[in-house]
C-alpha cells in the first residue's frame, strides 16, 4: 500500500464505547463528575455513542437508599448537569437511572 494514501475516518461505521468510570455509592456529585469527564474524553476520541453501567449516577449497590427522596432529587439534578454537558455535542450517551 502506498504510504501517501490516508484513509478517511468516515468509513460508514459508528464509534461505540462502553464506559466504566470509578463510582462511589450514593455520592452523586462524584459520580456525575466522573460521567462528565468520561463523556469529554470520549468526545476527544471522536466517539459517537457512549454507554454507562446501570445506576451510574447513584452507584449500584445503594439498597434501601433508592427510596430516599433526597438521593433521588440529587440524582435528578445530576442528570440535569449531564444533559447540560451533552447539549452542545453530537455524542449519544446511554445512561440508565432508577427514580424510585
Protein backbone atom coordinates (compact mmCIF):
# COMPACT_ATOMS: atom_id res chain seq x y z
CA UNK A 1 0.00 0.00 0.00
CA UNK A 2 1.26 3.46 -0.88
CA UNK A 3 2.37 5.31 2.28
CA UNK A 4 0.88 8.57 0.96
CA UNK A 5 -2.64 7.21 0.93
CA UNK A 6 -4.59 8.12 4.07
CA UNK A 7 -7.90 6.51 4.89
CA UNK A 8 -10.76 8.72 5.97
CA UNK A 9 -12.16 8.32 9.48
CA UNK A 10 -15.60 8.38 7.86
CA UNK A 11 -15.90 4.78 6.69
CA UNK A 12 -19.59 4.36 7.47
CA UNK A 13 -19.02 2.91 10.92
CA UNK A 14 -20.02 4.14 14.37
CA UNK A 15 -17.53 4.55 17.17
CA UNK A 16 -19.30 2.99 20.15
CA UNK A 17 -17.78 2.87 23.63
CA UNK A 18 -18.69 1.28 26.91
CA UNK A 19 -17.59 3.37 29.88
CA UNK A 20 -16.84 2.15 33.36
CA UNK A 21 -15.76 5.19 35.38
CA UNK A 22 -14.81 4.84 39.03
CA UNK A 23 -18.01 5.48 41.01
CA UNK A 24 -18.93 5.88 44.67
CA UNK A 25 -22.13 4.53 46.21
CA UNK A 26 -24.63 7.35 46.91
CA UNK A 27 -22.07 10.07 46.01
CA UNK A 28 -23.98 11.69 43.18
CA UNK A 29 -21.67 14.70 42.82
CA UNK A 30 -18.59 12.50 42.45
CA UNK A 31 -20.36 10.13 40.03
CA UNK A 32 -21.74 12.92 37.85
CA UNK A 33 -18.26 14.45 37.66
CA UNK A 34 -16.80 11.08 36.63
CA UNK A 35 -19.52 10.63 33.99
CA UNK A 36 -18.97 14.12 32.55
CA UNK A 37 -15.18 13.65 32.47
CA UNK A 38 -15.65 10.34 30.67
CA UNK A 39 -18.00 12.00 28.17
CA UNK A 40 -15.39 14.67 27.45
CA UNK A 41 -12.69 12.04 26.88
CA UNK A 42 -15.00 10.12 24.55
CA UNK A 43 -15.72 13.25 22.51
CA UNK A 44 -11.98 13.92 22.22
CA UNK A 45 -11.60 10.41 20.80
CA UNK A 46 -14.37 11.03 18.22
CA UNK A 47 -16.71 8.58 19.95
CA UNK A 48 -20.29 8.72 18.64
CA UNK A 49 -22.15 6.54 21.15
CA UNK A 50 -21.16 6.03 24.78
CA UNK A 51 -22.86 3.69 27.24
CA UNK A 52 -22.62 3.64 31.03
CA UNK A 53 -23.47 0.91 33.54
CA UNK A 54 -26.87 0.76 35.18
CA UNK A 55 -27.40 3.29 38.00
CA UNK A 56 -24.09 5.09 37.39
CA UNK A 57 -25.40 8.34 38.84
CA UNK A 58 -26.20 6.88 42.26
CA UNK A 59 -23.90 3.87 42.36
CA UNK A 60 -25.39 0.43 42.00
CA UNK A 61 -25.38 -1.08 45.49
CA UNK A 62 -27.42 1.63 47.20
CA UNK A 63 -30.03 -0.84 48.52
CA UNK A 64 -32.76 0.90 50.52
CA UNK A 65 -31.30 4.32 49.73
CA UNK A 66 -33.11 4.13 46.39
CA UNK A 67 -36.29 5.05 48.27
CA UNK A 68 -34.84 8.22 49.88
CA UNK A 69 -36.23 11.34 48.25
CA UNK A 70 -33.09 13.39 49.00
CA UNK A 71 -30.93 10.98 47.00
CA UNK A 72 -33.46 10.78 44.18
CA UNK A 73 -33.68 14.58 43.95
CA UNK A 74 -29.89 14.84 43.90
CA UNK A 75 -29.78 12.20 41.16
CA UNK A 76 -32.32 14.14 39.09
CA UNK A 77 -30.25 17.30 39.48
CA UNK A 78 -27.14 15.34 38.49
CA UNK A 79 -28.90 14.10 35.39
CA UNK A 80 -29.67 17.73 34.55
CA UNK A 81 -25.93 18.53 34.71
CA UNK A 82 -25.19 15.62 32.39
CA UNK A 83 -27.88 16.77 29.96
CA UNK A 84 -26.47 20.30 30.00
CA UNK A 85 -22.99 18.95 29.27
CA UNK A 86 -24.30 16.91 26.34
CA UNK A 87 -26.48 19.66 24.84
CA UNK A 88 -23.79 21.00 22.51
CA UNK A 89 -22.41 17.63 21.45
CA UNK A 90 -23.37 15.03 18.87
CA UNK A 91 -22.22 12.27 21.26
CA UNK A 92 -25.13 9.96 22.13
CA UNK A 93 -24.96 8.96 25.81
CA UNK A 94 -26.91 5.95 27.12
CA UNK A 95 -27.47 6.22 30.84
CA UNK A 96 -29.94 4.24 32.97
CA UNK A 97 -31.32 5.90 36.09
CA UNK A 98 -33.86 4.47 38.56
CA UNK A 99 -36.12 7.04 40.19
CA UNK A 100 -37.95 5.03 42.80
